Amino acid sequence: MRKLKKNPQDTFRVKAYAGTNGVLLAFDLDKARKPGFLGFAVEQKEADKPWQWLLNSLTFPGKAHTIPKWGATPSNLAPIQKFRWADYSIEPGTTCRYRAHLAYADQPALGEALEIEVSTDDGKPKDHRVYFNRAVAASQSFGRKFPDLDKLLSEKKTNPIPIEDWPAAPREWLENGLLDGILRFISRAKDEKWALDVAIYEYELKAIVDAVNEAHKRRVEVRVIYHAKKGDEQTSQNVASLKKIPAAKKRGRVTTKIFHDKFIVLSRINAAGERVPQAVLCGSTNFTENGVYRQANVVHETDDKAIATRYLELFGVIWNNPEDVSSTRDWINANNPIDPNKKLFAGFSPRTGKTDLAEFINIINAADRDLLFATAFKLPEDVLNALLGTAHDPVLRYGIQNTASRITGFHADRTAEFTAPALLSKGLEGWVKEGLRGQRGNLLVHTKVIVANFTTDNPVVVSGSHNLSVPASNGNDENYLIMRGDTDLADRYGLEILRFYEHYRFRYYAKKLKLKEAKPLEIDDSWADAYYAAGHIKESARLRFAGR
């Protein structure tokens, strides 16, 4: 959801973008009103709570924070000196009101104000539900919120405690509704009049395994296709997790690559005993501790019956011949051509000719205002070239790449360094060291999402299991959604990417500059100079995010 509020002269405006778990406010102020401008003082009213000033972790030189416990000062006393602010801790389904006041010199003095109201995704929209876990970007908050458990986990590095043995509160906080979304989807299959078709790469998490087993016990028509490769550790784990599902209801996808799908199709059983697809759950999330709790992931659920039908068709092709990847490739080549004119398109691989990668590159290259992305593994050079663009091109780029590549070290216009999603080797004063919370390996960001032209009325979102790689195109079993022109979906995905981007950008600069304390606020309007400098990246961001 996004809304715009402006004064009659349109010399002051606020645009709000509301996603699933956050709200982004973008401000704009006419250059003629800049002299003496110290920033924005913002009030917030969340649901039925009272109005309160947003807090600023910065304050003016020589001023102590008025709330020392939190190291913060209300923004009416310490204005926000940037043209974009976000709160990534809003619960889904929350209505928030904001009043943005202009703050000028003299203590500061508050001037004109605009009020705007938005609601975060309540998890119950008509056709789509999108869930993100809190994952790695919140690990510092995890340490502050659950200090006793955090300390215990730090002491048990060589023999970590299984996450399902943790208390409920920290588990629920980390999964952030993502696991609940999966379990609710499975529970929609009530009895023998329903079917669940599960295609999964990593099938381990007890909560999900138990939910599927319970569905089978209540006579739901359950079928499972799982990754299977001779001598493969993941295959052994999958087989063990499926021991309560009858042999006739499960088949291993025998592949020399990886069966990387993670989706579930929900169907009704009609009078003829046929499946009638109702919904599909997909995304980047493996059914594991790491996938649900620790790595950044997304689950996308849609009740679009046409999309669910496409997923069920693919499932049937693999189910009927799980040992022949070539036949699946032939079916996809013939029946799943890339359609750039569809507002909602479900794509699959493996396929011949890398036509999926070509379409991803077309979407990226067509972005003429901004590009947001989160990627996990090594990318081919042509995809990297598209994501990076060229220095000083007009496109704002906000991206994180989990695997080191040429993406690491570039700002949104490729003129300055920004962020590397790497662990800091030491904690900094006031900032807790990033932690892995007992997970296996160093994978932090597992989401694979592109949002092109986020700030426009015609954004394009790509999301799924596909890693935007050559193996994902021509070897692995993968799936993805391409969503065009849906600003609500773009807001949900875009805010999540920006949450990670801002987190890692801050930590990169903190490490690079060896910061021991944050810079104080400026005492005059010089902080805003770059936002009004012709051609500067900050000027572009100010205008575009505010809807100009």
Protein backbone atom coordinates (compact mmCIF):
# COMPACT_ATOMS: atom_id res chain seq x y z
CA MET A 1 0.00 0.00 0.00
CA ARG A 2 1.26 3.48 -0.83
CA LYS A 3 -0.22 6.93 -0.29
CA LEU A 4 0.84 10.49 -1.08
CA LYS A 5 0.04 13.63 0.93
CA LYS A 6 1.08 17.12 -0.17
CA ASN A 7 0.28 20.70 0.74
CA PRO A 8 -1.83 22.83 -1.67
CA GLN A 9 1.23 24.39 -3.27
CA ASP A 10 3.03 21.01 -3.49
CA THR A 11 6.10 22.54 -1.87
CA PHE A 12 6.04 19.89 0.85
CA ARG A 13 4.98 16.27 0.43
CA VAL A 14 5.12 12.91 2.19
CA LYS A 15 4.77 9.58 0.43
CA ALA A 16 4.25 6.42 2.50
CA TYR A 17 4.95 2.86 1.37
CA ALA A 18 3.55 0.09 3.61
CA GLY A 19 4.74 -3.49 3.24
CA THR A 20 4.18 -6.57 5.39
CA ASN A 21 6.28 -5.58 8.40
CA GLY A 22 7.24 -1.99 7.82
CA VAL A 23 6.47 1.51 6.61
CA LEU A 24 8.76 3.71 4.53
CA LEU A 25 8.23 7.48 4.59
CA ALA A 26 9.69 9.60 1.79
CA PHE A 27 9.77 13.39 2.16
CA ASP A 28 10.23 16.24 -0.27
CA LEU A 29 10.57 19.97 0.32
CA ASP A 30 10.86 22.73 -2.25
CA LYS A 31 14.39 24.14 -2.54
CA ALA A 32 13.08 27.62 -1.76
CA ARG A 33 12.17 26.38 1.73
CA LYS A 34 15.59 24.92 2.48
CA PRO A 35 17.28 27.90 4.23
CA GLY A 36 17.51 27.18 7.94
CA PHE A 37 15.91 23.72 7.53
CA LEU A 38 17.12 21.27 10.21
CA GLY A 39 15.14 18.18 9.27
CA PHE A 40 11.86 16.39 9.89
CA ALA A 41 10.21 15.85 13.27
CA VAL A 42 7.85 12.90 12.94
CA GLU A 43 5.03 11.72 15.18
CA GLN A 44 3.58 8.25 14.92
CA LYS A 45 0.29 6.74 16.07
CA GLU A 46 0.36 2.95 15.75
CA ALA A 47 -3.13 1.35 15.85
CA ASP A 48 -4.88 2.51 19.04
CA LYS A 49 -1.69 3.56 20.82
CA PRO A 50 -1.15 7.24 21.71
CA TRP A 51 0.80 9.61 19.47
CA GLN A 52 4.54 9.54 20.10
CA TRP A 53 7.59 11.16 18.57
CA LEU A 54 9.85 8.94 16.51
CA LEU A 55 13.28 8.67 18.05
CA ASN A 56 16.60 9.65 16.54
CA SER A 57 19.81 7.88 17.53
CA LEU A 58 21.67 11.07 16.52
CA THR A 59 21.51 14.39 18.28
CA PHE A 60 23.12 17.84 18.06
CA PRO A 61 26.77 18.40 19.04
CA GLY A 62 27.24 18.66 22.78
CA LYS A 63 23.73 17.42 23.50
CA ALA A 64 23.17 14.27 25.53
CA HIS A 65 20.36 11.93 24.52
CA THR A 66 17.19 12.68 26.42
CA ILE A 67 16.46 8.93 26.62
CA PRO A 68 19.89 7.58 27.61
CA LYS A 69 18.58 4.03 28.10
CA TRP A 70 17.90 3.76 24.38
CA GLY A 71 20.62 6.16 23.25
CA ALA A 72 18.00 8.25 21.49
CA THR A 73 16.21 11.60 21.42
CA PRO A 74 12.66 12.38 20.21
CA SER A 75 12.73 13.81 16.70
CA ASN A 76 11.07 17.08 17.77
CA LEU A 77 14.34 17.77 19.63
CA ALA A 78 16.66 15.92 17.24
CA PRO A 79 15.09 16.07 13.75
CA ILE A 80 15.65 13.37 11.14
CA GLN A 81 18.23 14.77 8.72
CA LYS A 82 17.45 12.67 5.67
CA PHE A 83 14.61 12.52 3.19
CA ARG A 84 13.70 8.89 3.78
CA TRP A 85 12.89 7.09 7.01
CA ALA A 86 11.61 3.57 7.65
CA ASP A 87 10.25 1.53 10.54
CA TYR A 88 10.71 -2.19 9.94
CA SER A 89 9.09 -3.32 13.19
CA ILE A 90 5.41 -2.70 12.44
CA GLU A 91 3.20 -5.75 12.86
CA PRO A 92 1.16 -6.96 9.85
CA GLY A 93 -2.36 -5.60 9.68
CA THR A 94 -1.50 -2.42 11.59
CA THR A 95 -2.87 1.00 10.69
CA CYS A 96 -0.33 3.75 11.31
CA ARG A 97 -0.70 7.51 11.17
CA TYR A 98 2.26 9.85 10.82
CA ARG A 99 2.65 13.61 11.19
CA ALA A 100 5.77 15.00 9.57
CA HIS A 101 6.73 18.49 10.84
CA LEU A 102 9.29 20.78 9.23
CA ALA A 103 11.95 21.71 11.80
CA TYR A 104 13.86 24.97 11.49
CA ALA A 105 16.59 26.73 13.42
CA ASP A 106 15.92 27.87 16.97
CA GLN A 107 15.91 24.88 19.25
CA PRO A 108 14.42 23.68 16.76
CA ALA A 109 11.13 25.37 15.90
CA LEU A 110 8.45 23.22 14.28
CA GLY A 111 6.63 24.54 11.25
CA GLU A 112 4.17 23.13 8.73
CA ALA A 113 3.04 19.51 9.16
CA LEU A 114 1.42 16.86 6.96
CA GLU A 115 -0.46 13.82 8.23
CA ILE A 116 -0.73 10.50 6.39
CA GLU A 117 -2.27 7.10 7.20
CA VAL A 118 -1.35 3.66 5.83
CA SER A 119 -1.88 0.02 6.82
CA THR A 120 0.58 -2.84 6.62
CA ASP A 121 -0.42 -6.04 4.83
CA ASP A 122 -2.74 -7.96 7.16
CA GLY A 123 -1.88 -11.38 5.74
CA LYS A 124 -5.40 -11.67 4.32
CA PRO A 125 -5.43 -9.86 0.97
CA LYS A 126 -7.69 -11.34 -1.66
CA ASP A 127 -5.13 -13.03 -3.89
CA HIS A 128 -1.64 -12.84 -2.37
CA ARG A 129 0.01 -13.25 1.03
CA VAL A 130 3.74 -12.63 1.44
CA TYR A 131 5.76 -13.56 4.53
CA PHE A 132 9.35 -12.64 5.41
CA ASN A 133 11.28 -13.97 8.39
CA ARG A 134 13.38 -11.55 10.45
CA ALA A 135 16.56 -13.53 9.83
CA VAL A 136 20.08 -12.18 9.87
CA ALA A 137 19.45 -8.45 9.65
CA ALA A 138 17.77 -8.66 13.04
CA SER A 139 20.45 -10.66 14.86
CA GLN A 140 21.58 -7.66 16.93
CA SER A 141 18.00 -7.10 18.00
CA PHE A 142 17.78 -10.80 18.83
CA GLY A 143 20.69 -10.42 21.25
CA ARG A 144 19.04 -7.48 22.98
CA LYS A 145 15.57 -9.04 23.08
CA PHE A 146 16.62 -12.50 24.29
CA PRO A 147 19.94 -11.93 26.13
CA ASP A 148 19.87 -15.14 28.19
CA LEU A 149 19.28 -17.39 25.20
CA ASP A 150 21.77 -15.40 23.14
CA LYS A 151 24.43 -15.94 25.76
CA LEU A 152 23.65 -19.67 25.95
CA LEU A 153 23.85 -20.02 22.16
CA SER A 154 27.19 -18.22 22.13
CA GLU A 155 28.53 -20.72 24.68
CA LYS A 156 27.26 -23.72 22.69
CA LYS A 157 28.94 -23.00 19.36
CA THR A 158 30.41 -26.50 19.00
CA ASN A 159 27.16 -28.26 19.92
CA PRO A 160 24.34 -25.86 19.07
CA ILE A 161 20.90 -26.27 20.56
CA PRO A 162 18.32 -27.35 17.93
CA ILE A 163 16.10 -24.38 17.28
CA GLU A 164 12.94 -26.39 17.91
CA ASP A 165 14.18 -26.88 21.49
CA TRP A 166 14.29 -23.12 22.05
CA PRO A 167 11.49 -21.37 23.95
CA ALA A 168 8.56 -20.37 21.74
CA ALA A 169 9.05 -16.59 21.98
CA PRO A 170 12.46 -16.33 20.26
CA ARG A 171 11.47 -18.88 17.62
CA GLU A 172 8.28 -17.01 16.79
CA TRP A 173 10.16 -13.72 16.73
CA LEU A 174 12.68 -15.05 14.21
CA GLU A 175 10.22 -16.77 11.87
CA ASN A 176 8.01 -13.67 12.02
CA GLY A 177 4.87 -15.38 10.74
CA LEU A 178 6.62 -17.21 7.88
CA LEU A 179 6.30 -20.65 9.51
CA ASP A 180 2.76 -19.86 10.62
CA GLY A 181 1.95 -19.03 7.00
CA ILE A 182 3.22 -22.42 5.82
CA LEU A 183 1.35 -24.30 8.55
CA ARG A 184 -1.88 -22.40 7.90
CA PHE A 185 -1.63 -23.22 4.22
CA ILE A 186 -1.23 -26.93 4.97
CA SER A 187 -4.15 -26.79 7.41
CA ARG A 188 -6.46 -25.49 4.65
CA ALA A 189 -6.62 -29.11 3.43
CA LYS A 190 -9.27 -30.38 5.86
CA ASP A 191 -10.10 -33.94 4.79
CA GLU A 192 -10.39 -36.39 1.91
CA LYS A 193 -11.99 -33.69 -0.24
CA TRP A 194 -8.64 -31.90 -0.41
CA ALA A 195 -5.16 -32.57 -1.81
CA LEU A 196 -1.66 -31.28 -1.08
CA ASP A 197 1.12 -31.74 -3.61
CA VAL A 198 4.54 -30.91 -2.12
CA ALA A 199 7.70 -30.36 -4.19
CA ILE A 200 10.68 -29.82 -1.91
CA TYR A 201 14.47 -29.68 -1.98
CA GLU A 202 15.18 -29.77 1.77
CA TYR A 203 12.52 -31.43 3.91
CA GLU A 204 13.67 -31.38 7.54
CA LEU A 205 11.83 -29.00 9.87
CA LYS A 206 9.78 -31.05 12.32
CA ALA A 207 6.89 -28.57 12.49
CA ILE A 208 6.32 -28.80 8.72
CA VAL A 209 6.94 -32.54 8.53
CA ASP A 210 4.44 -33.09 11.34
CA ALA A 211 1.85 -30.85 9.64
CA VAL A 212 2.07 -32.82 6.38
CA ASN A 213 1.90 -36.11 8.30
CA GLU A 214 -1.21 -34.89 10.12
CA ALA A 215 -2.80 -33.91 6.82
CA HIS A 216 -2.20 -37.46 5.58
CA LYS A 217 -3.74 -38.85 8.78
CA ARG A 218 -6.91 -36.84 8.21
CA ARG A 219 -7.12 -38.45 4.76
CA VAL A 220 -5.97 -35.50 2.70
CA GLU A 221 -4.61 -36.70 -0.67
CA VAL A 222 -0.91 -36.01 -0.04
CA ARG A 223 1.84 -36.47 -2.61
CA VAL A 224 5.48 -35.46 -2.13
CA ILE A 225 8.28 -35.14 -4.68
CA TYR A 226 11.67 -34.69 -3.00
CA HIS A 227 15.26 -34.13 -4.06
CA ALA A 228 16.97 -37.49 -4.60
CA LYS A 229 20.55 -38.12 -5.65
CA LYS A 230 22.60 -41.24 -5.00
CA GLY A 231 24.90 -40.86 -2.00
CA ASP A 232 23.56 -37.37 -1.29
CA GLU A 233 23.22 -36.34 2.36
CA GLN A 234 20.12 -34.25 1.68
CA THR A 235 18.44 -37.22 0.02
CA SER A 236 18.99 -39.30 3.15
CA GLN A 237 17.51 -36.56 5.30
CA ASN A 238 14.48 -36.23 3.04
CA VAL A 239 13.85 -39.98 3.08
CA ALA A 240 14.03 -40.03 6.89
CA SER A 241 11.58 -37.13 7.17
CA LEU A 242 9.11 -38.88 4.86
CA LYS A 243 9.01 -42.25 6.62
CA LYS A 244 5.37 -41.76 7.71
CA ILE A 245 4.18 -41.05 4.17
CA PRO A 246 3.28 -44.25 2.27
CA ALA A 247 5.55 -45.26 -0.59
CA ALA A 248 2.79 -44.72 -3.13
CA LYS A 249 2.49 -41.09 -2.03
CA LYS A 250 6.14 -40.05 -2.41
CA ARG A 251 8.67 -40.09 -5.22
CA GLY A 252 12.29 -39.02 -5.36
CA ARG A 253 13.31 -36.65 -8.13
CA VAL A 254 16.44 -38.40 -9.39
CA THR A 255 18.71 -35.70 -10.76
CA THR A 256 22.41 -35.07 -11.24
CA LYS A 257 21.77 -31.40 -10.37
CA ILE A 258 19.39 -30.32 -7.60
CA PHE A 259 15.62 -30.47 -7.30
CA HIS A 260 15.49 -26.91 -5.98
CA ASP A 261 11.72 -26.40 -5.97
CA LYS A 262 9.90 -25.54 -2.74
CA PHE A 263 6.19 -25.27 -3.38
CA ILE A 264 2.89 -26.78 -2.27
CA VAL A 265 -0.26 -26.88 -4.40
CA LEU A 266 -3.63 -26.97 -2.60
CA SER A 267 -6.48 -28.59 -4.56
CA ARG A 268 -10.07 -29.65 -4.04
CA ILE A 269 -11.04 -33.18 -5.07
CA ASN A 270 -14.06 -33.11 -7.38
CA ALA A 271 -16.74 -35.81 -7.84
CA ALA A 272 -14.60 -37.51 -10.47
CA GLY A 273 -11.67 -37.75 -8.05
CA GLU A 274 -9.67 -35.12 -9.93
CA ARG A 275 -7.63 -32.34 -8.38
CA VAL A 276 -8.99 -28.81 -8.92
CA PRO A 277 -6.19 -26.36 -7.95
CA GLN A 278 -7.13 -23.61 -5.50
CA ALA A 279 -3.85 -22.07 -4.33
CA VAL A 280 -0.09 -22.44 -4.33
CA LEU A 281 2.60 -21.64 -1.76
CA CYS A 282 6.06 -20.96 -3.17
CA GLY A 283 9.12 -18.74 -2.65
CA SER A 284 12.74 -19.20 -1.56
CA THR A 285 12.21 -21.00 1.76
CA ASN A 286 13.52 -24.52 2.29
CA PHE A 287 11.71 -26.52 4.97
CA THR A 288 14.65 -26.43 7.39
CA GLU A 289 15.75 -24.61 10.54
CA ASN A 290 18.04 -22.39 8.52
CA GLY A 291 15.45 -21.69 5.86
CA VAL A 292 12.63 -20.79 8.22
CA TYR A 293 14.50 -19.08 11.05
CA ARG A 294 18.04 -18.00 10.19
CA GLN A 295 18.47 -17.16 6.52
CA ALA A 296 16.59 -14.30 4.91
CA ASN A 297 13.72 -15.90 3.00
CA VAL A 298 10.25 -15.30 1.60
CA VAL A 299 7.09 -17.38 1.33
CA HIS A 300 4.56 -16.29 -1.30
CA GLU A 301 1.03 -17.69 -1.19
CA THR A 302 -1.48 -16.97 -3.93
CA ASP A 303 -5.09 -18.02 -4.46
CA ASP A 304 -4.82 -17.30 -8.18
CA LYS A 305 -6.26 -20.52 -9.59
CA ALA A 306 -4.59 -20.11 -12.98
CA ILE A 307 -1.17 -19.91 -11.33
CA ALA A 308 -1.96 -22.84 -9.04
CA THR A 309 -3.00 -24.84 -12.12
CA ARG A 310 0.35 -24.18 -13.79
CA TYR A 311 2.20 -25.42 -10.70
CA LEU A 312 0.05 -28.55 -10.53
CA GLU A 313 0.66 -29.27 -14.21
CA LEU A 314 4.41 -29.13 -13.63
CA PHE A 315 4.07 -31.30 -10.52
CA GLY A 316 2.21 -33.90 -12.60
CA VAL A 317 4.92 -33.98 -15.27
CA ILE A 318 7.62 -34.67 -12.67
CA TRP A 319 5.44 -37.10 -10.67
CA ASN A 320 4.78 -39.20 -13.74
CA ASN A 321 8.46 -39.48 -14.66
CA PRO A 322 10.68 -38.44 -11.72
CA GLU A 323 13.82 -40.06 -13.12
CA ASP A 324 13.75 -38.23 -16.46
CA VAL A 325 14.79 -34.58 -16.14
CA SER A 326 15.00 -34.26 -19.92
CA SER A 327 11.29 -34.94 -20.33
CA THR A 328 10.54 -32.15 -17.86
CA ARG A 329 12.80 -29.81 -19.81
CA ASP A 330 11.01 -30.71 -23.03
CA TRP A 331 7.61 -30.08 -21.42
CA ILE A 332 8.72 -26.69 -20.06
CA ASN A 333 10.17 -25.67 -23.43
CA ALA A 334 6.89 -26.51 -25.13
CA ASN A 335 4.36 -25.44 -22.50
CA ASN A 336 5.97 -22.67 -20.46
CA PRO A 337 7.27 -20.04 -22.91
CA ILE A 338 8.21 -16.73 -21.33
CA ASP A 339 5.32 -14.28 -21.73
CA PRO A 340 6.37 -10.66 -21.05
CA ASN A 341 2.80 -9.44 -21.51
CA LYS A 342 1.26 -11.33 -18.59
CA LYS A 343 0.72 -9.36 -15.39
CA LEU A 344 1.28 -12.55 -13.37
CA PHE A 345 3.47 -15.26 -14.87
CA ALA A 346 4.67 -18.54 -13.34
CA GLY A 347 7.94 -19.77 -14.83
CA PHE A 348 9.80 -23.05 -14.45
CA SER A 349 13.13 -24.68 -15.24
CA PRO A 350 15.17 -26.53 -16.40
CA ARG A 351 14.72 -25.16 -19.90
CA THR A 352 16.77 -24.84 -23.06
CA GLY A 353 18.35 -21.61 -24.30
CA LYS A 354 18.42 -19.63 -21.02
CA THR A 355 15.26 -17.78 -22.03
CA ASP A 356 14.45 -17.22 -18.35
CA LEU A 357 17.77 -15.46 -17.75
CA ALA A 358 17.19 -13.37 -20.88
CA GLU A 359 13.83 -12.25 -19.53
CA PHE A 360 15.30 -11.37 -16.12
CA ILE A 361 17.92 -9.27 -17.91
CA ASN A 362 15.22 -7.58 -20.01
CA ILE A 363 13.31 -6.67 -16.84
CA ILE A 364 16.44 -5.29 -15.19
CA ASN A 365 17.49 -3.30 -18.27
CA ALA A 366 13.99 -1.86 -18.65
CA ALA A 367 14.21 -0.22 -15.21
CA ASP A 368 14.72 3.48 -15.89
CA ARG A 369 14.24 4.87 -12.37
CA ASP A 370 15.31 2.40 -9.72
CA LEU A 371 16.28 -1.21 -9.15
CA LEU A 372 16.13 -3.19 -5.91
CA PHE A 373 17.56 -6.71 -5.68
CA ALA A 374 18.63 -9.44 -3.29
CA THR A 375 20.60 -12.42 -4.61
CA ALA A 376 22.26 -15.38 -2.93
CA PHE A 377 24.80 -17.20 -5.11
CA LYS A 378 27.23 -16.67 -7.97
CA LEU A 379 25.67 -14.85 -10.92
CA PRO A 380 26.59 -15.06 -14.62
CA GLU A 381 28.39 -12.07 -16.08
CA ASP A 382 25.47 -10.87 -18.20
CA VAL A 383 23.17 -10.79 -15.17
CA LEU A 384 25.85 -9.00 -13.14
CA ASN A 385 26.31 -6.45 -15.92
CA ALA A 386 22.58 -5.76 -15.99
CA LEU A 387 22.31 -5.39 -12.21
CA LEU A 388 25.31 -3.08 -12.03
CA GLY A 389 24.45 -0.93 -15.03
CA THR A 390 27.00 1.75 -15.85
CA ALA A 391 28.54 4.43 -13.70
CA HIS A 392 26.43 7.59 -13.46
CA ASP A 393 23.46 6.09 -15.27
CA PRO A 394 20.13 7.51 -14.06
CA VAL A 395 18.96 4.32 -12.34
CA LEU A 396 19.12 4.15 -8.54
CA ARG A 397 20.38 0.70 -7.49
CA TYR A 398 19.88 -0.74 -4.03
CA GLY A 399 21.09 -4.32 -3.84
CA ILE A 400 22.70 -6.97 -1.70
CA GLN A 401 24.52 -10.05 -2.93
CA ASN A 402 25.28 -12.81 -0.44
CA THR A 403 28.21 -14.16 -2.48
CA ALA A 404 31.16 -11.88 -3.12
CA SER A 405 31.15 -10.55 -6.67
CA ARG A 406 31.54 -7.31 -8.59
CA ILE A 407 28.36 -6.13 -6.85
CA THR A 408 30.24 -5.83 -3.58
CA GLY A 409 31.39 -2.27 -3.06
CA PHE A 410 29.11 -0.16 -5.21
CA HIS A 411 26.61 2.48 -4.20
CA ALA A 412 23.26 3.09 -5.86
CA ASP A 413 24.84 5.02 -8.74
CA ARG A 414 28.14 3.08 -8.79
CA THR A 415 30.12 6.14 -7.72
CA ALA A 416 30.83 5.17 -4.11
CA GLU A 417 31.20 2.05 -2.04
CA PHE A 418 28.15 0.83 -0.17
CA THR A 419 27.98 -2.56 1.47
CA ALA A 420 29.26 -6.09 1.62
CA PRO A 421 26.96 -8.59 3.32
CA ALA A 422 29.80 -10.03 5.36
CA LEU A 423 30.13 -10.65 9.07
CA LEU A 424 32.06 -8.09 11.05
CA SER A 425 34.98 -9.83 12.71
CA LYS A 426 34.54 -7.85 15.91
CA GLY A 427 31.70 -6.05 17.58
CA LEU A 428 31.93 -2.26 17.56
CA GLU A 429 31.28 -0.07 20.52
CA GLY A 430 27.52 0.18 20.82
CA TRP A 431 26.92 -2.28 18.00
CA VAL A 432 26.73 -6.00 18.61
CA LYS A 433 28.68 -8.41 16.43
CA GLU A 434 26.57 -10.09 13.76
CA GLY A 435 25.75 -13.68 14.74
CA LEU A 436 24.75 -16.88 12.96
CA ARG A 437 22.79 -18.31 15.93
CA GLY A 438 24.06 -21.85 15.50
CA GLN A 439 23.33 -22.28 11.80
CA ARG A 440 25.39 -24.44 9.46
CA GLY A 441 27.47 -22.47 7.00
CA ASN A 442 27.71 -18.74 6.34
CA LEU A 443 24.70 -18.21 4.07
CA LEU A 444 22.91 -15.09 5.29
CA VAL A 445 20.67 -13.90 2.46
CA HIS A 446 18.80 -16.67 0.63
CA THR A 447 16.10 -14.46 -0.91
CA LYS A 448 16.19 -14.10 -4.69
CA VAL A 449 14.15 -11.03 -5.60
CA ILE A 450 14.27 -8.25 -8.18
CA VAL A 451 12.03 -5.18 -7.99
CA ALA A 452 12.36 -2.97 -11.06
CA ASN A 453 11.01 0.59 -11.02
CA PHE A 454 9.86 0.27 -7.43
CA THR A 455 8.88 3.94 -7.03
CA THR A 456 6.70 4.00 -10.17
CA ASP A 457 3.10 2.95 -10.75
CA ASN A 458 4.25 0.07 -12.94
CA PRO A 459 6.85 -1.94 -10.98
CA VAL A 460 7.97 -5.45 -11.89
CA VAL A 461 8.78 -8.07 -9.24
CA VAL A 462 10.60 -11.38 -9.76
CA SER A 463 10.64 -13.83 -6.85
CA GLY A 464 11.09 -17.56 -6.37
CA SER A 465 13.61 -20.35 -5.93
CA HIS A 466 15.57 -19.40 -9.08
CA ASN A 467 19.08 -18.13 -8.28
CA LEU A 468 19.39 -16.17 -11.55
CA SER A 469 22.21 -18.54 -12.49
CA VAL A 470 23.01 -20.76 -15.47
CA PRO A 471 22.60 -24.00 -13.43
CA ALA A 472 19.21 -22.73 -12.22
CA SER A 473 18.20 -22.15 -15.83
CA ASN A 474 19.35 -25.29 -17.61
CA GLY A 475 19.98 -27.91 -14.91
CA ASN A 476 18.04 -27.48 -11.69
CA ASP A 477 14.31 -27.76 -11.12
CA GLU A 478 13.22 -24.20 -10.23
CA ASN A 479 10.15 -21.99 -10.15
CA TYR A 480 9.50 -18.24 -10.00
CA LEU A 481 6.78 -15.62 -10.31
CA ILE A 482 6.99 -12.47 -12.42
CA MET A 483 4.49 -9.85 -11.17
CA ARG A 484 3.89 -6.72 -13.24
CA GLY A 485 2.08 -3.51 -12.29
CA ASP A 486 1.13 -4.55 -8.73
CA THR A 487 2.32 -1.76 -6.41
CA ASP A 488 1.09 -3.56 -3.28
CA LEU A 489 3.28 -6.57 -4.02
CA ALA A 490 6.17 -4.29 -4.99
CA ASP A 491 5.85 -2.52 -1.63
CA ARG A 492 5.99 -5.79 0.31
CA TYR A 493 9.07 -7.01 -1.55
CA GLY A 494 10.74 -3.62 -1.94
CA LEU A 495 10.63 -2.71 1.74
CA GLU A 496 12.18 -6.04 2.65
CA ILE A 497 15.11 -5.50 0.29
CA LEU A 498 15.61 -1.98 1.62
CA ARG A 499 15.57 -3.33 5.20
CA PHE A 500 18.56 -5.54 4.41
CA TYR A 501 20.28 -2.96 2.26
CA GLU A 502 20.20 -0.30 4.97
CA HIS A 503 21.35 -2.78 7.61
CA TYR A 504 24.38 -3.98 5.69
CA ARG A 505 25.24 -0.56 4.30
CA PHE A 506 25.43 0.79 7.83
CA ARG A 507 27.57 -2.10 9.03
CA TYR A 508 29.88 -1.80 6.03
CA TYR A 509 30.52 1.87 6.69
CA ALA A 510 30.88 1.25 10.42
CA LYS A 511 33.63 -1.24 9.70
CA LYS A 512 35.28 0.68 6.84
CA LEU A 513 35.42 3.98 8.72
CA LYS A 514 36.19 2.29 12.05
CA LEU A 515 33.39 4.21 13.65
CA LYS A 516 33.35 4.34 17.43
CA GLU A 517 30.43 6.71 17.61
CA ALA A 518 27.95 8.20 15.20
CA LYS A 519 28.31 11.68 13.67
CA PRO A 520 26.18 14.32 15.37
CA LEU A 521 23.42 16.22 13.59
CA GLU A 522 24.33 19.34 11.61
CA ILE A 523 23.42 22.63 13.29
CA ASP A 524 22.39 24.28 10.01
CA ASP A 525 20.85 23.32 6.66
CA SER A 526 24.16 22.11 5.18
CA TRP A 527 23.13 18.47 5.82
CA ALA A 528 20.63 18.83 2.96
CA ASP A 529 22.98 20.34 0.35
CA ALA A 530 23.51 17.11 -1.57
CA TYR A 531 19.74 16.51 -1.76
CA TYR A 532 19.43 19.67 -3.90
CA ALA A 533 22.62 19.31 -5.95
CA ALA A 534 21.73 18.78 -9.62
CA GLY A 535 22.53 15.25 -10.74
CA HIS A 536 23.48 14.02 -7.27
CA ILE A 537 22.26 10.58 -6.26
CA LYS A 538 20.58 12.05 -3.18
CA GLU A 539 18.63 14.51 -5.30
CA SER A 540 17.39 11.67 -7.51
CA ALA A 541 16.38 9.61 -4.48
CA ARG A 542 14.58 12.57 -2.86
CA LEU A 543 12.50 13.20 -5.97
CA ARG A 544 11.76 9.63 -7.00
CA PHE A 545 10.80 8.17 -3.63
CA ALA A 546 8.53 11.18 -3.06
CA GLY A 547 6.74 10.38 -6.32
CA ARG A 548 8.11 13.08 -8.59
